């Protein structure tokens, strides 16, 4: 499992899955699913952003 946590592909696919879940929730008007979208977004932001974008911390400082 540690391989997936370090993998750029894993975090990128999780980001796309989160966006797809958001679009489906809005499209089918099942708004409570957005609770999971928010949770995934926070998870991606806290843990996965370093793997997806290596220069993220440097870009935020500017």
C-alpha atoms as a PDB file:
ATOM      1  CA  UNK A   1       0.000   0.000   0.000  1.00  0.00           C
ATOM      2  CA  UNK A   2       2.908   2.367   0.587  1.00  0.00           C
ATOM      3  CA  UNK A   3       3.686   2.214  -3.144  1.00  0.00           C
ATOM      4  CA  UNK A   4       0.292   3.711  -3.918  1.00  0.00           C
ATOM      5  CA  UNK A   5       0.727   6.503  -1.381  1.00  0.00           C
ATOM      6  CA  UNK A   6       3.994   7.503  -3.077  1.00  0.00           C
ATOM      7  CA  UNK A   7       2.771   7.079  -6.647  1.00  0.00           C
ATOM      8  CA  UNK A   8       1.999  10.133  -8.750  1.00  0.00           C
ATOM      9  CA  UNK A   9      -0.350   8.036 -10.884  1.00  0.00           C
ATOM     10  CA  UNK A  10      -2.395   6.981  -7.856  1.00  0.00           C
ATOM     11  CA  UNK A  11      -2.942  10.549  -6.656  1.00  0.00           C
ATOM     12  CA  UNK A  12      -3.714  11.795 -10.155  1.00  0.00           C
ATOM     13  CA  UNK A  13      -6.315   9.068 -10.678  1.00  0.00           C
ATOM     14  CA  UNK A  14      -7.798   9.785  -7.257  1.00  0.00           C
ATOM     15  CA  UNK A  15      -8.099  13.448  -8.235  1.00  0.00           C
ATOM     16  CA  UNK A  16      -9.925  12.566 -11.456  1.00  0.00           C
ATOM     17  CA  UNK A  17     -12.153  10.116  -9.589  1.00  0.00           C
ATOM     18  CA  UNK A  18     -13.021  12.836  -7.093  1.00  0.00           C
ATOM     19  CA  UNK A  19     -13.912  15.246  -9.888  1.00  0.00           C
ATOM     20  CA  UNK A  20     -16.003  12.590 -11.632  1.00  0.00           C
ATOM     21  CA  UNK A  21     -17.823  11.869  -8.382  1.00  0.00           C
ATOM     22  CA  UNK A  22     -18.537  15.593  -7.993  1.00  0.00           C
ATOM     23  CA  UNK A  23     -19.919  15.874 -11.540  1.00  0.00           C
ATOM     24  CA  UNK A  24     -22.101  12.781 -11.104  1.00  0.00           C
ATOM     25  CA  UNK A  25     -23.420  14.026  -7.762  1.00  0.00           C
ATOM     26  CA  UNK A  26     -24.396  17.364  -9.296  1.00  0.00           C
ATOM     27  CA  UNK A  27     -25.786  15.727 -12.447  1.00  0.00           C
ATOM     28  CA  UNK A  28     -27.973  13.254 -10.581  1.00  0.00           C
ATOM     29  CA  UNK A  29     -28.789  15.784  -7.834  1.00  0.00           C
ATOM     30  CA  UNK A  30     -27.466  13.553  -5.073  1.00  0.00           C
ATOM     31  CA  UNK A  31     -25.829  16.316  -3.104  1.00  0.00           C
ATOM     32  CA  UNK A  32     -24.924  14.311   0.001  1.00  0.00           C
ATOM     33  CA  UNK A  33     -22.235  12.522  -2.045  1.00  0.00           C
ATOM     34  CA  UNK A  34     -20.311  15.796  -2.037  1.00  0.00           C
ATOM     35  CA  UNK A  35     -19.379  15.031   1.569  1.00  0.00           C
ATOM     36  CA  UNK A  36     -17.104  12.315   0.161  1.00  0.00           C
ATOM     37  CA  UNK A  37     -15.824  14.700  -2.498  1.00  0.00           C
ATOM     38  CA  UNK A  38     -14.822  17.174   0.200  1.00  0.00           C
ATOM     39  CA  UNK A  39     -13.118  14.420   2.212  1.00  0.00           C
ATOM     40  CA  UNK A  40     -11.192  13.195  -0.839  1.00  0.00           C
ATOM     41  CA  UNK A  41     -10.210  16.759  -1.694  1.00  0.00           C
ATOM     42  CA  UNK A  42      -8.807  17.347   1.774  1.00  0.00           C
ATOM     43  CA  UNK A  43      -6.959  14.012   1.641  1.00  0.00           C
ATOM     44  CA  UNK A  44      -5.443  14.862  -1.728  1.00  0.00           C
ATOM     45  CA  UNK A  45      -4.472  18.331  -0.555  1.00  0.00           C
ATOM     46  CA  UNK A  46      -2.860  17.167   2.698  1.00  0.00           C
ATOM     47  CA  UNK A  47      -1.068  14.015   1.529  1.00  0.00           C
ATOM     48  CA  UNK A  48      -1.006  13.737  -2.243  1.00  0.00           C
ATOM     49  CA  UNK A  49      -0.183  17.225  -3.491  1.00  0.00           C
ATOM     50  CA  UNK A  50       3.546  16.738  -2.894  1.00  0.00           C
ATOM     51  CA  UNK A  51       3.525  13.673  -5.147  1.00  0.00           C
ATOM     52  CA  UNK A  52       1.456  15.197  -7.944  1.00  0.00           C
ATOM     53  CA  UNK A  53       3.197  18.570  -8.138  1.00  0.00           C
ATOM     54  CA  UNK A  54       6.751  18.605  -6.831  1.00  0.00           C
ATOM     55  CA  UNK A  55       7.014  22.416  -7.119  1.00  0.00           C
ATOM     56  CA  UNK A  56       3.758  23.110  -5.254  1.00  0.00           C
ATOM     57  CA  UNK A  57       5.362  24.414  -2.072  1.00  0.00           C
ATOM     58  CA  UNK A  58       7.694  26.678  -4.018  1.00  0.00           C
ATOM     59  CA  UNK A  59       4.832  28.052  -6.116  1.00  0.00           C
ATOM     60  CA  UNK A  60       2.762  28.882  -3.029  1.00  0.00           C
ATOM     61  CA  UNK A  61       5.580  30.876  -1.433  1.00  0.00           C
ATOM     62  CA  UNK A  62       5.735  33.308  -4.361  1.00  0.00           C
END
